[in-house]
Amino acid sequence: MNAELWPEARGGVRLVKSGRTPGHRTRILVVDRDPSAVAVVRSVLRSQDWEVITAKSGAEGLDKARVEGPDAIVTELDLADMTGPDLCRALRLRNETATTPIIVLSTATGVSERVASLRAGAFDYLVKPPDAQELVARIKAALDLRKEKSGFVVAVLGTKGGVGASVVAVNVAAALRQETRSGVVLVDAALRTGAVDVLLNMHTGPSGGRLLPRIEELDEGDFEAILTPHATGIQVLLPQQQGYDVLTADEMHRMLMSLRRLRDFVVVDMPPLHDDNVAATLDLADRVVLVLTPEIPALRGARLFLERAAQMGLSRERVVPVLNRFPQKGGLPRQAIENALGISVQGAVPDDVKLVTYSVNRGVPVVESHPHSAVAKQMDELARSLTRIARQ
């Protein structure tokens, strides 16, 4: 995420998408092997006084994206050497193009092609030949969205129930607040099994119950009204205490899009079940903290998640595996877990049952109640790692 850091009045940081310097001429990279199709798109884009760069293959497109630094990319779905979704995934893996808007063009009108492109990281999908006004409007919308303030979304997901993902989510949110003094929102998305309210010993007021059932009508100011402040300095959204035991994928997407414009960090405590809501959250997540314990059922759940994530186009670089309650007597060794997953574990939280139980029963995060404990130090290190990524 390309970002500049701006100090807040209270000494925190504000993450803002970087913009071009005044007078910059918008540059669009067009990737298509058909010269006539390129000519049509070039004519439309030049009518806006935009500079057009072209490439005939995915490999050439990747190279020119790195060298030229385009503001947006328009690509054909069926390239000679790779598909449009493959190009999208490759662009999303590179720091310099991780947030560059991508518009996919194709003669295919099927839903599967559109879904595959969007899940791979495309901003939009248009049928060829595109309407000139619509193409320009979609590119402008993508460029405008990139300029907006955009918070860093962290999804915390357990590989199965009972691995302590909610404890990790609560402590990471509190630690992010301590580390950055920025605005942090914690969302309990495990609607039917959520425990964030218990872990923080909190209850929502009556206003949320009147507002949240109209989620499709809410604007960002309404979301401000339904965030509950906590003593740690974070704010919490508890949909299940405001009349919701189900959220559609579209509602989840809308909610997270609004929250990320309001606050610098959005931490989402996800249910272990892989459903449409999980998919909607993963589409927006900058990083996914995957919590597992050193046992075979949790490891199997982690492998299943990584397989499904790959099918969705979620790169492994966005996944942060964290071992909880480690090490355990008789538990799997770290090296065996990493070998089985094919990805490095990026954090190991000690197995301190007594301390965590004490924290849970009091409703106070460990990073607040016992900041010098080994558990708190690991949570702090995870928060610092996420902060460094957000500031890149």
Foldseek 3Di string as FASTA:
>chain_A
DAFDWDADPVGFTFTFQDDDDPPDAAEEEEEAQDPVLVVVLVVLQCVVVHHYHYHDALVRSVVCCVVVVGQAYEYEQDGPPDGLLVSLLVQCVDPSRVLRAYEYEYQDPDPVSQQSNLLSPHPYYAYPPHDSVVVVVSNVVSSVVSRAGFAAEEEFAELAPPLCSLLLLLLLQLLLCVVGVWAEEEEEAQQPPGCLCLLQVDAFDQPLLVPVVVLVPDALVVVVVRWDAGPSGYTYHRVNRNPDSDDALVSLLSSNRSVRSVTRYYYYHHYNDDDSNVSSSLSRHQAYEYEAEQDDSRLVSLQVVVVVSVVSNNDCVRYAYEYEQPDDVVGHDQVVSCVSNVHHHDFYAHNDPVQVVVSSNVSHRCCVVPVPDSRNVRSNVVSVVSVVVSND
